[in-house]
Amino acid sequence: MARICYVCGKGPRTGNRVSHANNKTKRRWLPNLQTARILNDEGQRIRVRVCTSCISAGKIRKAPAVKKSEGA
């Protein structure tokens, strides 16, 4: 599964590590993705990876918890 937000499409960013001697090597910044169960447009529960900025902004609708039956 790719490291991409389901809602906004945010993915890894690239840049350089810079040492005290000013040597530069490639590095990546990864988005803070969390797994969330959400309701899609058809009302189905799906599990997706969403960045925390989308979760805190309220861009997703979390699915309600499913209660387990007691007799089984």
Protein backbone atom coordinates (compact mmCIF):
# COMPACT_ATOMS: atom_id res chain seq x y z
CA MET A 1 0.00 0.00 0.00
CA ALA A 2 1.42 3.37 -0.99
CA ARG A 3 2.20 6.07 1.55
CA ILE A 4 -0.44 8.44 0.17
CA CYS A 5 -3.37 10.05 1.96
CA TYR A 6 -6.74 8.76 0.73
CA VAL A 7 -8.36 12.22 1.04
CA CYS A 8 -5.84 14.87 -0.03
CA GLY A 9 -3.22 12.80 -1.86
CA LYS A 10 -0.37 13.96 0.33
CA GLY A 11 2.69 11.78 -0.20
CA PRO A 12 6.42 11.69 0.60
CA ARG A 13 8.45 14.85 0.00
CA THR A 14 12.13 14.82 -0.91
CA GLY A 15 15.05 16.97 0.09
CA ASN A 16 18.61 16.80 1.31
CA ARG A 17 20.32 15.81 4.52
CA VAL A 18 22.98 18.42 5.16
CA SER A 19 25.94 17.58 7.39
CA HIS A 20 28.14 20.03 9.30
CA ALA A 21 30.64 19.70 6.44
CA ASN A 22 27.81 20.75 4.05
CA ASN A 23 27.68 17.29 2.43
CA LYS A 24 24.27 16.64 0.89
CA THR A 25 22.52 13.29 0.56
CA LYS A 26 18.92 12.57 -0.42
CA ARG A 27 16.23 12.03 2.23
CA ARG A 28 12.42 11.76 2.41
CA TRP A 29 9.80 13.24 4.71
CA LEU A 30 6.85 10.89 5.11
CA PRO A 31 3.33 12.14 5.88
CA ASN A 32 1.80 11.20 9.23
CA LEU A 33 -0.69 8.58 8.00
CA GLN A 34 -3.09 6.75 10.26
CA THR A 35 -5.38 3.84 9.42
CA ALA A 36 -9.03 4.77 9.82
CA ARG A 37 -12.35 3.04 9.16
CA ILE A 38 -14.54 5.49 7.31
CA LEU A 39 -17.89 5.56 5.55
CA ASN A 40 -17.61 6.12 1.82
CA ASP A 41 -20.27 7.81 -0.33
CA GLU A 42 -22.32 4.58 -0.60
CA GLY A 43 -22.34 4.14 3.19
CA GLN A 44 -19.94 1.19 3.19
CA ARG A 45 -17.23 0.80 5.83
CA ILE A 46 -13.75 0.85 4.31
CA ARG A 47 -10.30 0.97 5.89
CA VAL A 48 -8.02 3.66 4.45
CA ARG A 49 -4.84 5.53 5.31
CA VAL A 50 -5.53 9.18 6.07
CA CYS A 51 -3.13 11.94 7.14
CA THR A 52 -3.68 13.44 10.57
CA SER A 53 -4.28 16.91 9.15
CA CYS A 54 -7.32 15.58 7.24
CA ILE A 55 -8.59 13.78 10.36
CA SER A 56 -8.32 16.88 12.56
CA ALA A 57 -9.87 19.09 9.84
CA GLY A 58 -12.92 16.81 9.76
CA LYS A 59 -12.55 15.86 6.11
CA ILE A 60 -13.53 12.24 6.81
CA ARG A 61 -16.56 10.64 8.43
CA LYS A 62 -15.47 7.86 10.77
CA ALA A 63 -17.54 4.69 10.76
CA PRO A 64 -19.38 3.82 13.98
CA ALA A 65 -18.09 0.88 15.99
CA VAL A 66 -19.77 -2.46 15.34
CA LYS A 67 -21.05 -4.10 18.50
CA LYS A 68 -20.31 -7.81 18.90
CA SER A 69 -23.18 -10.13 19.65
CA GLU A 70 -23.06 -11.63 23.16
CA GLY A 71 -24.51 -15.09 22.50
CA ALA A 72 -21.89 -16.28 20.01
